[in-house]
Amino acid sequence: MKHKSMWGGFISVLLSLFFVSASSASPQSGTIYLASNEDAVLKKLDTVRVRVLIEYNEPFEGTNLASDELQNQIELALQKTGLKIGKKDDLSIPVLSCEVRFMRMQERAGVKSNVFVFKSDFTLLETVRLDRDLNVAVIMSPTWQTSHYYGTQDAGHHIELSRQNVQRQLDAFCNAWLKANPKSP
């Protein structure tokens, strides 16, 4: 049996609508990558701060994903790639934001839905200057982003699925950074 649902993701200035089909056999998913010029955005980026936000629209049974654990996983991977992790209170350093949202679809006619939608976003937020007026700086503007969403009827595996999807997005960021910043021999 298939269910169709709409999920509105909201990150900074972007508002996207995704249609997700979910079946009990396997999660359905999609990934969107946004970066107008990935190499230019990531070139010479040497330090980032990491921010993790995890939201549930209702409590899930069992264990929930821990933001501290996810933050450590992300910071370790970035350091292995060659990026430095900046101090959390240094506002001059760009932020790599990881947001994970868990949502049970709305009930209909008083029947609780068994379809769950999970969405994760990685966004690099930086201060940028406008070409038309270099005196204007936009603080915490998204310069690189990837979004991944998936739906399932089995919420029991949400931590495992989330970690896998976050790792995929983290790999995409690290690979894009390595491409923009090749190591000299």
Foldseek 3Di string as FASTA:
>chain_A
DKDWDWDWDDDVPDTDIDIAIADAVDKDKDKDWDAPDLLVLQAPQAEAAEAEAEEEPDDDPDDDADRVVVNVVLQVLCVVLRHHYDDPPPQQHKYWYKYKYKYQDDDDPPHGGLKIKIKIKTFTFHWDADPVDRVDIDGGDTRIMMMMMIMYSDCVCVNVVVVVVVVVVSVVSSVSNCVSPPDDD
